[in-house]
Amino acid sequence: MKNIEIAKILYEIAELLELNEVEYKPRAYRRAAQNIEILTEDIESLYKKGRLDDIPGVGKSIASKIGEYIETGDLKYLNDLRSQIPHGLQDLLKLEGIGPKTAQILNKELAIKNVDELELAINKGKLKNIIGFGKKKEVNLLQAIELYKTSQERFLLGDIWPIAKNIKSKLESLKTVIKVEFAGSIRRRKETIGDIDLLVVSKQPKNVMEFFTKLPEKKNIISSGEIKSTIVLNNNIQVDLTIVEDSSYGSALQYFTGSKEHNIQLRELAKKNNMKLNEFGLFNLNDNKKIAGTTETEIYELLGLSYIQPELRENRGEIDLARAKKLPKLVELGDIKGDLHIHTKWSDGSNSIEEMVIAAKNLGYNYISICDHSKTLKIAGGLNENDLKAQMTEIERINRKLEDFRVLSGIEVNIDSEGNLDLNNSILKDLDFVVASIHSGFKQSEQVLIKRVLNAMHNDYVNCIGHPSGRIINKRAPAILNFSEIFEEAEKFNIFLEINAFPDRLDLSDLNCFKARERNICFPIGSDAHNLNQLKFMDYGVAVARRGWLESKNILNAMDLKQLKKVLRL
């Protein structure tokens, strides 16, 4: 399916049009891109059936460009737009704090064409003569540049996981493949991924390697060998495939999954027990005889440990707990009974409440909470008090038709720069679930930011703080907050702290979950879905919770509806 690929092209066209200061068109291309992203049908199939105009936002002009790309693999309109913009100027838009107008000003005033030239200009003090570029702005831009450079080496788990699963599925379909599994950071479900590692057991490795190096997603081949090959995909992520012997599959899987620090501790433990551990197996040092290697479980058992789930292998004390047989029973996706953060057409979502209900029921959920944006987030079509009352009436009507399912009326209320909420308590008190979130002002001092969060937590009708650090992975650093204080207040005032499952948020982070896990705090995992497909983002939130050592008892929406209603006093 080329859906994501074509959506990406339309997003780029929108960016380039903005840089050329074209009005209206960028919005049209973005809308078309968003709707293509959520398609469940292959866009190439729609094109062949002459049904591109079935996609909302895709008119004749955009449809013709999609058709040209599908037919030729290229697009003249995009190439022409690229030729009008200095090479690298687009990358400036990836920096927090720089939009199309700012990028154009930098280009016109200082002939800045890329991120490196911007960094050089800041260090030479050249931005000081441009209105609006003070010292604080320079410091913020340098931080954004540093984040940008780091992000070029890492991919979002949510972007890579579907691609990786597709490749793994194709390998599993080969009759010559006996076993196949992920290794490395993707198996540990880290929030960003450097590359995709796959281990395969096969009696015909040549056949597997030939299939792998000819995958249609492949852009080029880095290396091709009998037991290891490396390719680069069209999205520029590297994929390494290694063939291993079945007798060493478990040890290789353990070794290549990592983390490095976890493996060092395991090897030290093996050494203390007169054993040697490497990717080929676990060996008795007395006679160098291999005593384990086929499965990971037997390796951990012979080292005197309970099996350690891949998400825990970060050297955060998991080995000591595995020795004491006290590892947490990690929450699983199947434990989740509902989604407590969903957007609809009432604000900036793509689907109706009823459509979201049907999709949630298909996932096996018993409830959802509709948390559209509130009024000061105008860019997201935020709801005012009257809108919210009308939505609550619609939810009541929908609930009357439902059996064994409940739609909670909620809101994602905005925390303003002073720490006030943008909706009155008179309306908040009538809602089932209130999420309070910060959406701007992340460069304020730590003292001001923490005051804003605490003010919201102290409101009698706020249930939860949404995406608490405000980070956008690879784009915006987390706000500087004293999370120890936030955890203390959350426990004291019985406030839930969200694990936002949207792939570029994953906020709370796994580390903050880990730090807060022993407090009496409950964590709702919310997909923050703005369309039907995004409900599946729940999987990434569960991965964060697992990496944070959380169990189902720690997760608010692992409760059934009866328990939830009791906790929320509904």
Protein backbone atom coordinates (compact mmCIF):
# COMPACT_ATOMS: atom_id res chain seq x y z
CA MET A 1 0.00 0.00 0.00
CA LYS A 2 1.26 3.46 -0.98
CA ASN A 3 -1.19 5.35 1.22
CA ILE A 4 1.41 6.69 3.67
CA GLU A 5 3.88 7.39 0.86
CA ILE A 6 1.34 9.46 -1.08
CA ALA A 7 0.13 11.25 2.06
CA LYS A 8 3.73 12.23 2.78
CA ILE A 9 4.04 13.71 -0.74
CA LEU A 10 0.88 15.77 -0.27
CA TYR A 11 2.15 17.04 3.09
CA GLU A 12 5.39 18.11 1.40
CA ILE A 13 3.45 19.95 -1.31
CA ALA A 14 1.55 21.81 1.43
CA GLU A 15 4.84 22.84 3.07
CA LEU A 16 6.35 24.03 -0.19
CA LEU A 17 3.24 26.02 -1.06
CA GLU A 18 3.43 27.71 2.34
CA LEU A 19 7.07 28.59 1.74
CA ASN A 20 5.96 30.15 -1.56
CA GLU A 21 3.33 32.07 0.43
CA VAL A 22 0.43 30.50 -1.45
CA GLU A 23 -2.87 30.83 0.42
CA TYR A 24 -5.65 28.24 0.79
CA LYS A 25 -4.02 25.46 -1.26
CA PRO A 26 -1.81 24.16 1.60
CA ARG A 27 -4.90 23.48 3.70
CA ALA A 28 -6.49 21.50 0.84
CA TYR A 29 -3.41 19.32 0.38
CA ARG A 30 -3.14 18.69 4.11
CA ARG A 31 -6.78 17.68 4.35
CA ALA A 32 -6.36 15.25 1.47
CA ALA A 33 -3.18 13.85 3.07
CA GLN A 34 -4.89 13.33 6.43
CA ASN A 35 -7.77 11.45 4.82
CA ILE A 36 -5.43 9.27 2.76
CA GLU A 37 -3.49 8.39 5.92
CA ILE A 38 -6.58 6.89 7.51
CA LEU A 39 -7.76 4.94 4.48
CA THR A 40 -8.26 1.25 5.12
CA GLU A 41 -8.34 0.52 1.38
CA ASP A 42 -5.27 0.56 -0.87
CA ILE A 43 -5.14 3.89 -2.72
CA GLU A 44 -3.73 2.17 -5.81
CA SER A 45 -6.82 -0.04 -5.87
CA LEU A 46 -9.08 3.03 -5.63
CA TYR A 47 -7.15 4.67 -8.47
CA LYS A 48 -7.55 1.63 -10.73
CA LYS A 49 -11.30 1.61 -10.00
CA GLY A 50 -11.55 5.34 -10.78
CA ARG A 51 -12.65 6.07 -7.22
CA LEU A 52 -10.07 8.57 -5.96
CA ASP A 53 -12.81 11.18 -5.70
CA ASP A 54 -14.44 8.98 -3.02
CA ILE A 55 -11.71 10.22 -0.66
CA PRO A 56 -12.84 13.40 1.16
CA GLY A 57 -10.73 16.36 0.07
CA VAL A 58 -9.44 14.72 -3.11
CA GLY A 59 -10.72 16.73 -6.08
CA LYS A 60 -9.76 16.49 -9.74
CA SER A 61 -6.46 18.37 -9.38
CA ILE A 62 -5.13 16.34 -6.45
CA ALA A 63 -6.50 13.11 -7.94
CA SER A 64 -4.58 13.72 -11.18
CA LYS A 65 -1.35 14.21 -9.24
CA ILE A 66 -1.94 11.02 -7.26
CA GLY A 67 -2.57 9.18 -10.51
CA GLU A 68 0.62 10.54 -12.05
CA TYR A 69 2.67 9.38 -9.07
CA ILE A 70 1.10 5.92 -9.07
CA GLU A 71 1.72 5.51 -12.80
CA THR A 72 5.25 6.94 -13.00
CA GLY A 73 6.67 6.95 -9.47
CA ASP A 74 7.34 10.68 -9.89
CA LEU A 75 5.42 13.96 -9.79
CA LYS A 76 6.34 16.96 -11.97
CA TYR A 77 4.35 19.42 -9.84
CA LEU A 78 6.32 18.44 -6.73
CA ASN A 79 9.63 18.63 -8.57
CA ASP A 80 8.75 22.11 -9.87
CA LEU A 81 7.89 23.29 -6.36
CA ARG A 82 11.14 21.87 -5.00
CA SER A 83 13.12 23.71 -7.69
CA GLN A 84 11.64 27.04 -6.54
CA ILE A 85 12.84 26.60 -2.95
CA PRO A 86 16.53 26.69 -1.89
CA HIS A 87 17.72 23.19 -1.02
CA GLY A 88 17.45 22.64 2.72
CA LEU A 89 15.00 25.47 3.44
CA GLN A 90 12.24 22.94 4.06
CA ASP A 91 14.26 21.49 6.91
CA LEU A 92 13.91 24.79 8.77
CA LEU A 93 10.21 24.02 9.16
CA LYS A 94 11.15 20.98 11.21
CA LEU A 95 12.59 23.26 13.90
CA GLU A 96 10.31 24.19 16.77
CA GLY A 97 9.57 27.91 16.55
CA ILE A 98 9.99 28.26 12.79
CA GLY A 99 7.03 28.45 10.45
CA PRO A 100 6.91 29.30 6.73
CA LYS A 101 6.98 33.08 7.28
CA THR A 102 9.97 32.93 9.62
CA ALA A 103 11.84 30.64 7.21
CA GLN A 104 11.23 33.09 4.37
CA ILE A 105 12.41 36.04 6.50
CA LEU A 106 15.64 34.21 7.36
CA ASN A 107 16.18 33.41 3.70
CA LYS A 108 15.48 36.94 2.45
CA GLU A 109 17.34 38.82 5.18
CA LEU A 110 20.38 36.57 5.68
CA ALA A 111 20.27 34.18 2.68
CA ILE A 112 19.91 31.26 5.10
CA LYS A 113 19.04 28.13 3.14
CA ASN A 114 19.42 25.28 5.65
CA VAL A 115 19.79 24.33 9.30
CA ASP A 116 23.60 24.45 9.28
CA GLU A 117 23.58 28.00 7.91
CA LEU A 118 21.06 29.04 10.55
CA GLU A 119 23.24 27.63 13.33
CA LEU A 120 26.27 29.45 11.94
CA ALA A 121 24.33 32.72 11.68
CA ILE A 122 23.16 32.45 15.31
CA ASN A 123 26.68 31.75 16.57
CA LYS A 124 27.99 34.76 14.64
CA GLY A 125 25.29 37.01 16.10
CA LYS A 126 23.69 37.76 12.73
CA LEU A 127 20.10 37.34 13.90
CA LYS A 128 20.29 40.26 16.30
CA ASN A 129 19.45 42.81 13.60
CA ILE A 130 16.22 41.06 12.61
CA ILE A 131 13.09 42.20 14.42
CA GLY A 132 11.68 39.49 16.66
CA PHE A 133 14.94 37.59 17.09
CA GLY A 134 16.13 38.36 20.60
CA LYS A 135 18.57 36.45 22.78
CA LYS A 136 15.90 34.10 24.12
CA LYS A 137 14.77 33.26 20.59
CA GLU A 138 18.37 32.44 19.64
CA VAL A 139 18.78 30.11 22.63
CA ASN A 140 15.50 28.35 21.78
CA LEU A 141 16.52 27.93 18.15
CA LEU A 142 19.90 26.44 19.11
CA GLN A 143 18.07 23.92 21.32
CA ALA A 144 15.70 23.14 18.44
CA ILE A 145 18.65 22.62 16.10
CA GLU A 146 20.27 20.19 18.53
CA LEU A 147 17.02 18.25 18.79
CA TYR A 148 16.69 18.24 14.99
CA LYS A 149 20.17 16.81 14.53
CA THR A 150 19.48 14.03 17.03
CA SER A 151 16.13 13.24 15.42
CA GLN A 152 17.68 12.59 12.01
CA GLU A 153 19.13 9.35 13.36
CA ARG A 154 15.96 8.01 15.01
CA PHE A 155 12.49 7.03 13.76
CA LEU A 156 9.23 7.00 15.74
CA LEU A 157 8.18 3.55 16.91
CA GLY A 158 4.68 4.28 15.62
CA ASP A 159 6.00 5.05 12.13
CA ILE A 160 8.25 2.00 11.93
CA TRP A 161 6.24 -0.68 13.76
CA PRO A 162 3.63 -1.23 10.99
CA ILE A 163 6.36 -1.38 8.33
CA ALA A 164 8.45 -3.79 10.41
CA LYS A 165 5.45 -6.03 11.12
CA ASN A 166 4.67 -6.16 7.41
CA ILE A 167 8.22 -7.29 6.55
CA LYS A 168 8.16 -9.86 9.37
CA SER A 169 4.82 -11.17 8.09
CA LYS A 170 6.22 -11.58 4.59
CA LEU A 171 9.19 -13.53 5.92
CA GLU A 172 6.89 -15.72 8.02
CA SER A 173 4.96 -16.60 4.87
CA LEU A 174 8.05 -18.23 3.32
CA LYS A 175 7.98 -22.00 3.60
CA THR A 176 11.76 -21.97 4.07
CA VAL A 177 11.53 -19.81 7.21
CA ILE A 178 11.24 -21.77 10.47
CA LYS A 179 11.38 -18.88 12.95
CA VAL A 180 11.57 -15.11 12.65
CA GLU A 181 11.60 -12.44 15.35
CA PHE A 182 12.55 -8.82 15.91
CA ALA A 183 15.63 -7.95 17.93
CA GLY A 184 17.19 -4.69 19.08
CA SER A 185 15.34 -1.58 20.20
CA ILE A 186 12.20 -2.36 18.21
CA ARG A 187 11.69 -5.56 20.21
CA ARG A 188 12.19 -3.59 23.43
CA ARG A 189 9.52 -1.20 22.02
CA LYS A 190 11.59 1.93 22.56
CA GLU A 191 9.90 5.19 21.59
CA THR A 192 12.39 5.79 18.77
CA ILE A 193 14.14 3.24 16.59
CA GLY A 194 17.56 3.44 14.92
CA ASP A 195 17.07 0.46 12.63
CA ILE A 196 15.08 -2.77 12.29
CA ASP A 197 16.79 -6.00 13.34
CA LEU A 198 15.40 -9.39 12.33
CA LEU A 199 16.64 -12.87 13.24
CA VAL A 200 15.65 -15.86 11.11
CA VAL A 201 16.08 -19.61 11.39
CA SER A 202 16.04 -21.34 8.00
CA LYS A 203 17.56 -24.41 6.36
CA GLN A 204 17.68 -22.51 3.06
CA PRO A 205 19.27 -19.15 3.92
CA LYS A 206 20.06 -18.36 0.28
CA ASN A 207 16.35 -18.42 -0.55
CA VAL A 208 15.54 -16.13 2.40
CA MET A 209 18.28 -13.64 1.54
CA GLU A 210 17.22 -13.48 -2.08
CA PHE A 211 13.62 -12.78 -1.03
CA PHE A 212 14.71 -10.18 1.54
CA THR A 213 16.97 -8.20 -0.79
CA LYS A 214 14.20 -8.05 -3.41
CA LEU A 215 11.48 -6.66 -1.12
CA PRO A 216 9.44 -3.99 -2.96
CA GLU A 217 9.97 -1.58 -0.01
CA LYS A 218 13.73 -1.71 -0.61
CA LYS A 219 15.48 1.42 -1.88
CA ASN A 220 18.97 -0.02 -2.03
CA ILE A 221 21.13 -2.88 -0.75
CA ILE A 222 23.95 -2.07 1.66
CA SER A 223 25.28 -5.61 1.84
CA SER A 224 24.21 -9.12 0.86
CA GLY A 225 25.69 -12.28 2.31
CA GLU A 226 24.86 -15.87 3.16
CA ILE A 227 23.97 -15.22 6.80
CA LYS A 228 23.53 -11.45 6.98
CA SER A 229 22.12 -8.81 4.63
CA THR A 230 21.29 -5.14 5.06
CA ILE A 231 18.88 -3.07 3.03
CA VAL A 232 17.56 0.49 3.23
CA LEU A 233 13.84 1.04 2.78
CA ASN A 234 12.14 3.83 0.86
CA ASN A 235 11.71 5.78 4.10
CA ASN A 236 15.49 5.55 4.71
CA ILE A 237 15.42 3.18 7.67
CA GLN A 238 17.96 0.38 7.63
CA VAL A 239 16.88 -3.25 8.04
CA ASP A 240 19.34 -5.95 9.09
CA LEU A 241 18.47 -9.62 8.65
CA THR A 242 20.65 -12.31 10.25
CA ILE A 243 20.30 -16.08 9.78
CA VAL A 244 21.06 -18.06 12.94
CA GLU A 245 21.16 -21.74 13.83
CA ASP A 246 18.11 -23.08 15.65
CA SER A 247 20.34 -24.27 18.51
CA SER A 248 21.52 -20.67 19.00
CA TYR A 249 18.26 -18.89 18.25
CA GLY A 250 17.44 -18.06 21.88
CA SER A 251 20.93 -16.85 22.76
CA ALA A 252 21.16 -14.78 19.57
CA LEU A 253 17.74 -13.29 20.27
CA GLN A 254 18.74 -12.42 23.82
CA TYR A 255 22.09 -10.98 22.72
CA PHE A 256 20.82 -8.86 19.83
CA THR A 257 17.74 -7.64 21.71
CA GLY A 258 19.91 -5.93 24.33
CA SER A 259 20.09 -3.48 25.85
CA LYS A 260 23.87 -3.28 26.03
CA GLU A 261 23.76 -2.52 29.76
CA HIS A 262 21.38 -5.41 30.46
CA ASN A 263 23.62 -7.81 28.52
CA ILE A 264 26.72 -6.71 30.40
CA GLN A 265 25.00 -7.52 33.69
CA LEU A 266 23.91 -10.94 32.38
CA ARG A 267 27.42 -11.81 31.20
CA GLU A 268 28.83 -10.80 34.58
CA LEU A 269 26.25 -13.01 36.29
CA ALA A 270 27.16 -15.91 34.00
CA LYS A 271 30.84 -15.43 34.79
CA LYS A 272 30.16 -15.52 38.53
CA ASN A 273 28.41 -18.86 38.00
CA ASN A 274 31.32 -20.30 36.03
CA MET A 275 29.52 -19.86 32.71
CA LYS A 276 30.02 -17.87 29.53
CA LEU A 277 27.18 -16.18 27.64
CA ASN A 278 27.33 -14.90 24.07
CA GLU A 279 25.19 -14.86 20.91
CA PHE A 280 25.96 -18.54 20.27
CA GLY A 281 24.80 -19.89 23.61
CA LEU A 282 25.41 -20.35 27.33
CA PHE A 283 28.53 -22.43 28.01
CA ASN A 284 29.95 -24.25 31.04
CA LEU A 285 33.48 -22.89 31.52
CA ASN A 286 34.77 -26.17 32.96
CA ASP A 287 34.46 -28.04 29.67
CA ASN A 288 33.23 -25.28 27.33
CA LYS A 289 30.12 -27.37 26.70
CA LYS A 290 27.04 -25.56 25.46
CA ILE A 291 24.25 -25.94 28.02
CA ALA A 292 21.58 -23.59 26.59
CA GLY A 293 20.83 -21.49 23.52
CA THR A 294 17.66 -22.69 21.83
CA THR A 295 15.34 -20.42 23.85
CA GLU A 296 15.76 -17.27 25.91
CA THR A 297 13.75 -18.79 28.75
CA GLU A 298 16.26 -21.59 29.38
CA ILE A 299 19.13 -19.10 29.44
CA TYR A 300 17.47 -16.96 32.10
CA GLU A 301 16.48 -20.07 34.10
CA LEU A 302 20.02 -21.48 34.13
CA LEU A 303 21.24 -18.10 35.34
CA GLY A 304 18.79 -18.37 38.25
CA LEU A 305 16.41 -15.76 36.90
CA SER A 306 12.76 -15.48 35.96
CA TYR A 307 12.23 -14.72 32.30
CA ILE A 308 12.66 -10.98 31.74
CA GLN A 309 10.33 -9.39 29.19
CA PRO A 310 12.18 -7.48 26.43
CA GLU A 311 10.66 -4.12 27.48
CA LEU A 312 12.30 -4.45 30.92
CA ARG A 313 15.82 -5.06 29.67
CA GLU A 314 17.25 -1.60 30.39
CA ASN A 315 19.32 -2.30 33.53
CA ARG A 316 16.87 -0.60 35.88
CA GLY A 317 17.04 -3.33 38.53
CA GLU A 318 15.23 -6.02 36.56
CA ILE A 319 17.95 -8.62 37.11
CA ASP A 320 17.79 -8.36 40.91
CA LEU A 321 14.01 -8.68 40.84
CA ALA A 322 14.22 -11.60 38.40
CA ARG A 323 16.57 -13.36 40.83
CA ALA A 324 14.06 -12.76 43.66
CA LYS A 325 11.17 -13.86 41.39
CA LYS A 326 9.49 -10.50 41.98
CA LEU A 327 9.23 -9.07 38.48
CA PRO A 328 6.02 -7.15 37.76
CA LYS A 329 3.29 -8.83 35.72
CA LEU A 330 3.26 -6.25 32.96
CA VAL A 331 0.03 -4.84 31.55
CA GLU A 332 -0.96 -6.23 28.15
CA LEU A 333 -2.97 -4.77 25.30
CA GLY A 334 -5.68 -7.33 26.00
CA ASP A 335 -6.14 -5.85 29.50
CA ILE A 336 -7.42 -2.56 28.09
CA LYS A 337 -11.19 -2.17 28.42
CA GLY A 338 -11.65 1.28 26.88
CA ASP A 339 -10.08 4.47 25.55
CA LEU A 340 -10.24 7.63 27.66
CA HIS A 341 -8.96 10.22 25.16
CA ILE A 342 -10.75 10.42 21.81
CA HIS A 343 -11.44 13.36 19.46
CA THR A 344 -14.31 13.61 17.00
CA LYS A 345 -15.72 15.89 14.31
CA TRP A 346 -16.94 18.13 17.11
CA SER A 347 -13.40 19.56 17.22
CA ASP A 348 -10.51 18.46 15.00
CA GLY A 349 -11.32 14.77 14.56
CA SER A 350 -12.36 13.10 11.31
CA ASN A 351 -15.19 10.88 12.56
CA SER A 352 -18.48 11.16 14.39
CA ILE A 353 -19.03 9.91 17.93
CA GLU A 354 -21.12 7.02 16.63
CA GLU A 355 -18.37 5.99 14.19
CA MET A 356 -15.87 6.00 17.03
CA VAL A 357 -18.21 3.88 19.13
CA ILE A 358 -18.50 1.23 16.41
CA ALA A 359 -14.71 1.12 15.95
CA ALA A 360 -14.14 0.91 19.72
CA LYS A 361 -16.64 -1.94 20.06
CA ASN A 362 -14.83 -3.77 17.25
CA LEU A 363 -11.66 -3.52 19.36
CA GLY A 364 -13.50 -5.20 22.23
CA TYR A 365 -13.83 -2.07 24.36
CA ASN A 366 -16.64 -1.46 26.85
CA TYR A 367 -16.38 2.33 26.96
CA ILE A 368 -14.76 5.43 25.48
CA SER A 369 -14.43 9.00 26.67
CA ILE A 370 -14.96 11.79 24.15
CA CYS A 371 -12.40 14.48 24.97
CA ASP A 372 -12.58 17.08 22.23
CA HIS A 373 -10.61 20.30 22.54
CA SER A 374 -11.96 23.32 24.42
CA LYS A 375 -12.62 26.80 23.11
CA THR A 376 -9.25 28.60 23.26
CA LEU A 377 -7.66 25.99 21.00
CA LYS A 378 -9.30 27.63 17.99
CA ILE A 379 -6.96 26.01 15.50
CA ALA A 380 -8.43 22.67 16.59
CA GLY A 381 -12.04 23.88 16.47
CA GLY A 382 -12.32 23.92 20.24
CA LEU A 383 -15.74 23.69 21.89
CA ASN A 384 -17.30 26.52 23.92
CA GLU A 385 -19.81 25.94 26.70
CA ASN A 386 -22.81 25.82 24.36
CA ASP A 387 -21.06 23.41 21.98
CA LEU A 388 -20.18 21.15 24.88
CA LYS A 389 -23.76 21.11 26.17
CA ALA A 390 -24.95 20.13 22.70
CA GLN A 391 -22.35 17.36 22.53
CA MET A 392 -23.40 16.08 25.95
CA THR A 393 -26.99 15.89 24.68
CA GLU A 394 -25.83 13.87 21.67
CA ILE A 395 -23.85 11.50 23.92
CA GLU A 396 -26.94 10.95 26.09
CA ARG A 397 -28.93 10.09 22.96
CA ILE A 398 -26.24 7.64 21.78
CA ASN A 399 -25.98 6.01 25.20
CA ARG A 400 -29.71 5.34 25.27
CA LYS A 401 -29.27 3.11 22.21
CA LEU A 402 -26.23 1.21 23.51
CA GLU A 403 -26.09 -2.01 25.47
CA ASP A 404 -23.03 -3.09 27.48
CA PHE A 405 -21.16 0.01 26.31
CA ARG A 406 -20.86 3.54 27.66
CA VAL A 407 -19.77 6.79 26.04
CA LEU A 408 -18.38 9.11 28.70
CA SER A 409 -18.82 12.83 28.15
CA GLY A 410 -15.49 14.52 28.55
CA ILE A 411 -13.30 17.37 27.39
CA GLU A 412 -9.61 18.10 26.90
CA VAL A 413 -9.71 21.47 28.60
CA ASN A 414 -6.86 23.88 27.87
CA ILE A 415 -4.60 25.16 30.66
CA ASP A 416 -3.81 28.79 29.77
CA SER A 417 -0.57 30.69 30.38
CA GLU A 418 -1.76 31.65 33.90
CA GLY A 419 -2.77 28.13 34.85
CA ASN A 420 -6.50 28.76 34.46
CA LEU A 421 -8.86 26.46 32.59
CA ASP A 422 -10.72 27.89 29.60
CA LEU A 423 -14.11 26.45 30.60
CA ASN A 424 -16.12 27.27 33.69
CA ASN A 425 -16.58 24.85 36.56
CA SER A 426 -20.33 25.16 36.03
CA ILE A 427 -19.97 23.07 32.86
CA LEU A 428 -17.00 20.93 33.96
CA LYS A 429 -18.93 19.58 36.95
CA ASP A 430 -21.46 17.94 34.62
CA LEU A 431 -18.84 15.96 32.68
CA ASP A 432 -17.77 12.37 33.30
CA PHE A 433 -14.07 12.77 32.58
CA VAL A 434 -12.04 16.00 32.39
CA VAL A 435 -8.53 15.98 30.95
CA ALA A 436 -6.53 19.20 31.46
CA SER A 437 -3.60 19.81 29.11
CA ILE A 438 -1.04 22.47 28.27
CA HIS A 439 -0.76 23.20 24.55
CA SER A 440 1.46 26.28 24.46
CA GLY A 441 3.95 28.36 26.45
CA PHE A 442 6.42 25.50 26.94
CA LYS A 443 9.36 27.91 27.11
CA GLN A 444 8.10 29.49 30.33
CA SER A 445 10.21 29.04 33.43
CA GLU A 446 9.96 25.82 35.40
CA GLN A 447 8.37 27.74 38.25
CA VAL A 448 5.60 29.12 36.02
CA LEU A 449 5.02 25.80 34.24
CA ILE A 450 4.72 23.79 37.44
CA LYS A 451 2.31 26.39 38.83
CA ARG A 452 0.12 26.01 35.73
CA VAL A 453 0.00 22.23 36.09
CA LEU A 454 -0.62 22.31 39.85
CA ASN A 455 -3.41 24.89 39.46
CA ALA A 456 -5.19 22.50 37.11
CA MET A 457 -4.62 19.56 39.44
CA HIS A 458 -6.17 21.47 42.32
CA ASN A 459 -9.40 22.10 40.38
CA ASP A 460 -12.23 20.02 41.90
CA TYR A 461 -13.46 18.81 38.51
CA VAL A 462 -10.22 17.85 36.77
CA ASN A 463 -9.65 14.09 36.66
CA CYS A 464 -6.48 13.85 34.62
CA ILE A 465 -3.47 15.76 33.31
CA GLY A 466 -3.03 15.07 29.59
CA HIS A 467 0.36 14.48 27.93
CA PRO A 468 2.02 16.04 31.02
CA SER A 469 5.44 17.06 29.64
CA GLY A 470 4.06 18.45 26.37
CA ARG A 471 6.86 16.93 24.34
CA ILE A 472 6.67 16.12 20.64
CA ILE A 473 9.32 13.45 20.04
CA ASN A 474 12.03 14.60 17.61
CA LYS A 475 10.39 18.04 17.38
CA ARG A 476 9.80 19.58 20.80
CA ALA A 477 11.70 18.83 23.98
CA PRO A 478 9.67 18.07 27.11
CA ALA A 479 8.84 21.02 29.34
CA ILE A 480 11.17 21.43 32.29
CA LEU A 481 9.02 20.20 35.16
CA ASN A 482 9.66 18.83 38.63
CA PHE A 483 7.87 15.53 38.17
CA SER A 484 8.53 14.47 41.74
CA GLU A 485 6.29 17.35 42.83
CA ILE A 486 3.69 16.46 40.20
CA PHE A 487 3.67 12.83 41.34
CA GLU A 488 3.28 13.92 44.97
CA GLU A 489 0.34 16.21 44.18
CA ALA A 490 -1.28 13.64 41.88
CA GLU A 491 -1.21 11.12 44.71
CA LYS A 492 -2.47 13.66 47.23
CA PHE A 493 -5.39 14.95 45.11
CA ASN A 494 -6.18 11.65 43.35
CA ILE A 495 -5.35 13.01 39.90
CA PHE A 496 -4.65 10.62 37.05
CA LEU A 497 -1.57 11.16 34.86
CA GLU A 498 -2.10 10.24 31.23
CA ILE A 499 0.09 8.02 29.12
CA ASN A 500 -0.71 9.58 25.77
CA ALA A 501 -0.29 6.88 23.13
CA PHE A 502 0.00 9.16 20.11
CA PRO A 503 3.29 8.05 18.49
CA ASP A 504 5.03 11.43 18.60
CA ARG A 505 3.99 12.06 22.21
CA LEU A 506 4.18 8.85 24.31
CA ASP A 507 3.86 11.11 27.30
CA LEU A 508 4.29 10.29 30.21
CA SER A 509 7.54 8.71 29.12
CA ASP A 510 8.49 5.21 30.19
CA LEU A 511 11.10 6.63 32.57
CA ASN A 512 8.57 8.86 34.31
CA CYS A 513 6.18 5.91 34.58
CA PHE A 514 8.99 3.91 36.13
CA LYS A 515 9.71 6.68 38.66
CA ALA A 516 6.03 7.05 39.60
CA ARG A 517 5.07 3.37 39.65
CA GLU A 518 5.32 2.84 43.41
CA ARG A 519 3.10 5.80 44.25
CA ASN A 520 -0.66 5.49 44.58
CA ILE A 521 -1.29 6.96 41.13
CA CYS A 522 -3.48 5.57 38.37
CA PHE A 523 -2.48 6.04 34.74
CA PRO A 524 -5.07 6.19 31.95
CA ILE A 525 -3.67 5.24 28.54
CA GLY A 526 -5.35 7.38 25.89
CA SER A 527 -4.90 6.97 22.15
CA ASP A 528 -5.62 10.69 21.55
CA ALA A 529 -7.22 9.33 18.36
CA HIS A 530 -8.46 11.87 15.83
CA ASN A 531 -9.78 9.16 13.46
CA LEU A 532 -10.78 5.50 13.50
CA ASN A 533 -7.37 4.05 12.62
CA GLN A 534 -5.65 5.98 15.38
CA LEU A 535 -7.56 4.06 18.03
CA LYS A 536 -4.94 1.38 17.39
CA PHE A 537 -2.29 3.72 18.82
CA MET A 538 -3.29 2.22 22.18
CA ASP A 539 -0.66 -0.45 21.50
CA TYR A 540 2.14 2.14 21.74
CA GLY A 541 0.79 3.48 25.02
CA VAL A 542 0.76 -0.04 26.43
CA ALA A 543 4.40 -0.41 25.30
CA VAL A 544 5.28 2.72 27.30
CA ALA A 545 3.48 1.36 30.36
CA ARG A 546 5.29 -1.97 30.06
CA ARG A 547 8.67 -0.24 29.73
CA GLY A 548 7.69 1.72 32.84
CA TRP A 549 7.09 -1.54 34.76
CA LEU A 550 3.35 -0.88 35.11
CA GLU A 551 0.81 -3.64 35.76
CA SER A 552 -2.88 -3.72 34.87
CA LYS A 553 -3.69 -2.60 38.43
CA ASN A 554 -1.87 0.68 37.68
CA ILE A 555 -3.87 1.42 34.53
CA LEU A 556 -7.21 3.22 34.85
CA ASN A 557 -8.70 1.87 31.62
CA ALA A 558 -7.75 -1.70 32.49
CA MET A 559 -10.76 -1.43 34.82
CA ASP A 560 -14.10 -2.74 33.62
CA LEU A 561 -16.96 -0.26 33.27
CA LYS A 562 -18.41 -1.02 36.70
CA GLN A 563 -15.06 -0.39 38.42
CA LEU A 564 -14.43 2.74 36.36
CA LYS A 565 -17.81 4.25 37.21
CA LYS A 566 -17.11 3.64 40.89
CA VAL A 567 -13.69 5.33 40.69
CA LEU A 568 -15.08 8.29 38.72
CA ARG A 569 -18.17 8.43 40.99
CA LEU A 570 -20.57 8.24 38.05
